[in-house]
C-alpha atoms as a PDB file:
ATOM      1  CA  MET A   1      87.866  49.707  34.516  1.00  0.00           C
ATOM      2  CA  GLU A   2      90.947  51.877  34.137  1.00  0.00           C
ATOM      3  CA  LEU A   3      93.943  51.066  36.301  1.00  0.00           C
ATOM      4  CA  LEU A   4      96.055  53.690  38.015  1.00  0.00           C
ATOM      5  CA  VAL A   5      99.800  53.099  37.988  1.00  0.00           C
ATOM      6  CA  THR A   6     102.694  55.344  38.842  1.00  0.00           C
ATOM      7  CA  ARG A   7     105.410  56.271  36.407  1.00  0.00           C
ATOM      8  CA  ALA A   8     107.924  54.836  38.899  1.00  0.00           C
ATOM      9  CA  LEU A   9     106.135  51.478  38.922  1.00  0.00           C
ATOM     10  CA  LEU A  10     106.240  51.266  35.119  1.00  0.00           C
ATOM     11  CA  HIS A  11     109.983  52.038  35.181  1.00  0.00           C
ATOM     12  CA  GLN A  12     110.457  49.394  37.857  1.00  0.00           C
ATOM     13  CA  LEU A  13     108.680  46.755  35.749  1.00  0.00           C
ATOM     14  CA  ARG A  14     110.806  47.598  32.705  1.00  0.00           C
ATOM     15  CA  ASP A  15     114.007  47.565  34.761  1.00  0.00           C
ATOM     16  CA  ARG A  16     113.211  44.166  36.292  1.00  0.00           C
ATOM     17  CA  ALA A  17     112.433  42.698  32.881  1.00  0.00           C
ATOM     18  CA  ALA A  18     115.737  44.023  31.516  1.00  0.00           C
ATOM     19  CA  ALA A  19     117.688  42.729  34.518  1.00  0.00           C
ATOM     20  CA  ALA A  20     116.211  39.232  34.183  1.00  0.00           C
ATOM     21  CA  HIS A  21     116.801  39.003  30.417  1.00  0.00           C
ATOM     22  CA  PRO A  22     117.051  36.451  28.803  1.00  0.00           C
ATOM     23  CA  ARG A  23     114.878  34.865  31.523  1.00  0.00           C
ATOM     24  CA  GLU A  24     111.318  35.908  32.312  1.00  0.00           C
ATOM     25  CA  ALA A  25     110.993  38.251  35.273  1.00  0.00           C
ATOM     26  CA  CYS A  26     107.949  37.769  37.485  1.00  0.00           C
ATOM     27  CA  GLY A  27     106.240  39.077  40.567  1.00  0.00           C
ATOM     28  CA  ILE A  28     103.085  40.100  42.367  1.00  0.00           C
ATOM     29  CA  LEU A  29     101.004  43.262  41.883  1.00  0.00           C
ATOM     30  CA  LEU A  30      99.733  44.703  45.159  1.00  0.00           C
ATOM     31  CA  GLY A  31      97.291  47.504  45.819  1.00  0.00           C
ATOM     32  CA  ARG A  32      93.653  48.372  46.321  1.00  0.00           C
ATOM     33  CA  ASP A  33      90.780  48.313  43.851  1.00  0.00           C
ATOM     34  CA  ASP A  34      92.039  49.818  40.581  1.00  0.00           C
ATOM     35  CA  ARG A  35      95.336  51.219  41.913  1.00  0.00           C
ATOM     36  CA  ILE A  36      98.551  49.217  41.714  1.00  0.00           C
ATOM     37  CA  ALA A  37     100.686  50.399  44.622  1.00  0.00           C
ATOM     38  CA  GLU A  38     103.577  47.936  44.417  1.00  0.00           C
ATOM     39  CA  ALA A  39     105.156  45.422  42.084  1.00  0.00           C
ATOM     40  CA  ARG A  40     106.932  42.914  44.307  1.00  0.00           C
ATOM     41  CA  GLY A  41     109.630  40.977  42.492  1.00  0.00           C
ATOM     42  CA  CYS A  42     109.698  37.217  43.058  1.00  0.00           C
ATOM     43  CA  ALA A  43     111.922  34.339  42.070  1.00  0.00           C
ATOM     44  CA  ASN A  44     110.961  32.610  38.835  1.00  0.00           C
ATOM     45  CA  VAL A  45     111.022  28.954  39.891  1.00  0.00           C
ATOM     46  CA  HIS A  46     109.917  27.467  36.557  1.00  0.00           C
ATOM     47  CA  PRO A  47     112.332  24.806  35.219  1.00  0.00           C
ATOM     48  CA  ASP A  48     112.491  26.699  31.884  1.00  0.00           C
ATOM     49  CA  PRO A  49     112.663  30.370  32.967  1.00  0.00           C
ATOM     50  CA  ALA A  50     113.727  31.580  29.518  1.00  0.00           C
ATOM     51  CA  SER A  51     110.262  30.949  28.120  1.00  0.00           C
ATOM     52  CA  HIS A  52     107.959  30.395  31.121  1.00  0.00           C
ATOM     53  CA  PHE A  53     107.373  31.771  34.576  1.00  0.00           C
ATOM     54  CA  GLU A  54     106.211  30.428  37.901  1.00  0.00           C
ATOM     55  CA  ILE A  55     106.115  32.766  40.870  1.00  0.00           C
ATOM     56  CA  ASP A  56     107.748  31.298  43.963  1.00  0.00           C
ATOM     57  CA  PRO A  57     104.793  29.709  45.830  1.00  0.00           C
ATOM     58  CA  GLN A  58     106.069  30.890  49.218  1.00  0.00           C
ATOM     59  CA  ALA A  59     106.059  34.493  47.983  1.00  0.00           C
ATOM     60  CA  LEU A  60     102.402  34.092  46.966  1.00  0.00           C
ATOM     61  CA  ILE A  61     101.480  32.575  50.332  1.00  0.00           C
ATOM     62  CA  ASP A  62     103.278  35.379  52.176  1.00  0.00           C
ATOM     63  CA  ALA A  63     101.551  38.086  50.096  1.00  0.00           C
ATOM     64  CA  HIS A  64      98.092  36.594  50.687  1.00  0.00           C
ATOM     65  CA  ARG A  65      98.760  36.254  54.431  1.00  0.00           C
ATOM     66  CA  ALA A  66      99.901  39.871  54.613  1.00  0.00           C
ATOM     67  CA  ALA A  67      96.755  40.979  52.755  1.00  0.00           C
ATOM     68  CA  ARG A  68      94.538  39.089  55.218  1.00  0.00           C
ATOM     69  CA  ALA A  69      96.378  40.864  58.041  1.00  0.00           C
ATOM     70  CA  GLY A  70      95.484  44.272  56.586  1.00  0.00           C
ATOM     71  CA  GLY A  71      98.247  44.771  54.042  1.00  0.00           C
ATOM     72  CA  PRO A  72      97.751  45.565  50.372  1.00  0.00           C
ATOM     73  CA  ALA A  73      95.661  43.115  48.358  1.00  0.00           C
ATOM     74  CA  VAL A  74      97.098  40.790  45.739  1.00  0.00           C
ATOM     75  CA  ILE A  75      95.444  42.256  42.663  1.00  0.00           C
ATOM     76  CA  GLY A  76      97.527  40.438  40.105  1.00  0.00           C
ATOM     77  CA  TYR A  77     100.853  39.336  38.732  1.00  0.00           C
ATOM     78  CA  TYR A  78     103.502  40.486  36.302  1.00  0.00           C
ATOM     79  CA  HIS A  79     105.982  38.785  34.051  1.00  0.00           C
ATOM     80  CA  SER A  80     108.105  39.573  31.045  1.00  0.00           C
ATOM     81  CA  HIS A  81     108.282  38.146  27.554  1.00  0.00           C
ATOM     82  CA  PRO A  82     111.975  38.468  26.625  1.00  0.00           C
ATOM     83  CA  GLN A  83     111.360  37.206  23.090  1.00  0.00           C
ATOM     84  CA  GLY A  84     107.666  37.958  22.606  1.00  0.00           C
ATOM     85  CA  ALA A  85     104.955  40.580  22.653  1.00  0.00           C
ATOM     86  CA  ALA A  86     103.354  42.245  25.682  1.00  0.00           C
ATOM     87  CA  GLU A  87     100.270  40.065  25.338  1.00  0.00           C
ATOM     88  CA  PRO A  88      99.255  36.706  26.809  1.00  0.00           C
ATOM     89  CA  SER A  89     101.062  33.798  25.182  1.00  0.00           C
ATOM     90  CA  ALA A  90      99.608  30.346  24.602  1.00  0.00           C
ATOM     91  CA  ALA A  91     101.393  29.229  27.791  1.00  0.00           C
ATOM     92  CA  ASP A  92      99.864  32.162  29.712  1.00  0.00           C
ATOM     93  CA  ARG A  93      96.385  31.270  28.487  1.00  0.00           C
ATOM     94  CA  ALA A  94      96.880  27.612  29.392  1.00  0.00           C
ATOM     95  CA  SER A  95      97.996  28.407  32.947  1.00  0.00           C
ATOM     96  CA  ALA A  96      95.501  31.199  33.663  1.00  0.00           C
ATOM     97  CA  ALA A  97      93.177  30.733  36.627  1.00  0.00           C
ATOM     98  CA  CYS A  98      90.361  32.868  35.136  1.00  0.00           C
ATOM     99  CA  ASP A  99      90.133  34.545  38.548  1.00  0.00           C
ATOM    100  CA  GLY A 100      89.733  38.176  37.487  1.00  0.00           C
ATOM    101  CA  ARG A 101      93.255  39.165  38.500  1.00  0.00           C
ATOM    102  CA  VAL A 102      95.315  41.744  36.633  1.00  0.00           C
ATOM    103  CA  TRP A 103      98.335  40.589  34.646  1.00  0.00           C
ATOM    104  CA  ALA A 104     101.050  43.009  33.572  1.00  0.00           C
ATOM    105  CA  ILE A 105     103.158  41.721  30.699  1.00  0.00           C
ATOM    106  CA  ILE A 106     106.400  43.466  29.787  1.00  0.00           C
ATOM    107  CA  ALA A 107     108.139  43.131  26.411  1.00  0.00           C
ATOM    108  CA  GLY A 108     111.032  45.513  25.874  1.00  0.00           C
ATOM    109  CA  GLN A 109     109.762  48.963  26.876  1.00  0.00           C
ATOM    110  CA  GLU A 110     106.104  48.051  26.394  1.00  0.00           C
ATOM    111  CA  VAL A 111     103.955  47.280  29.445  1.00  0.00           C
ATOM    112  CA  CYS A 112     100.398  46.061  28.874  1.00  0.00           C
ATOM    113  CA  PHE A 113      97.779  45.148  31.448  1.00  0.00           C
ATOM    114  CA  TRP A 114      95.230  42.362  31.069  1.00  0.00           C
ATOM    115  CA  ARG A 115      92.298  41.019  33.099  1.00  0.00           C
ATOM    116  CA  ASP A 116      92.256  37.222  33.433  1.00  0.00           C
ATOM    117  CA  GLY A 117      88.530  36.494  33.178  1.00  0.00           C
ATOM    118  CA  GLU A 118      86.203  33.613  32.439  1.00  0.00           C
ATOM    119  CA  ARG A 119      86.300  34.390  28.716  1.00  0.00           C
ATOM    120  CA  GLY A 120      90.055  34.750  28.573  1.00  0.00           C
ATOM    121  CA  PHE A 121      92.315  37.762  28.824  1.00  0.00           C
ATOM    122  CA  LEU A 122      90.860  41.205  28.198  1.00  0.00           C
ATOM    123  CA  PRO A 123      93.093  44.262  27.669  1.00  0.00           C
ATOM    124  CA  LEU A 124      92.918  46.961  30.345  1.00  0.00           C
ATOM    125  CA  SER A 125      93.510  50.654  29.897  1.00  0.00           C
ATOM    126  CA  TYR A 126      95.549  52.523  32.469  1.00  0.00           C
ATOM    127  CA  SER A 127      96.431  56.035  33.560  1.00  0.00           C
ATOM    128  CA  VAL A 128      99.898  57.009  34.682  1.00  0.00           C
ATOM    129  CA  THR A 129     100.317  59.191  37.759  1.00  0.00           C
ATOM    130  CA  ASP A 130     103.426  60.784  39.226  1.00  0.00           C
ATOM    131  CA  GLY A 131     102.823  59.671  42.780  1.00  0.00           C
END
């Protein structure tokens, strides 16, 4: 499956990662099917935000409630690796739910997308659109 993301969304992810540095930025990816329509920034509530992330649980609850009420679906999550690569870390693999969601990982200017599946993370290709 190839994801569709806008150029503006990629810029937004990079900007949020830069603004959070040296902490990890994090948030929720919203959309439909293979199209990411929004990257909603959330508070990183992990006790060690420089090297881990935990999306504010209330933000997750609110996003899932909104989706059930007809809003965009929660299709995944994003976070940054201020000191690492744009690929799942050992901590990411240990905390993964294996639920098929999309993870965007940002490291510097690089944004990579991954599917969190039963056999671990699989890289996803994506196309960039202007709107």
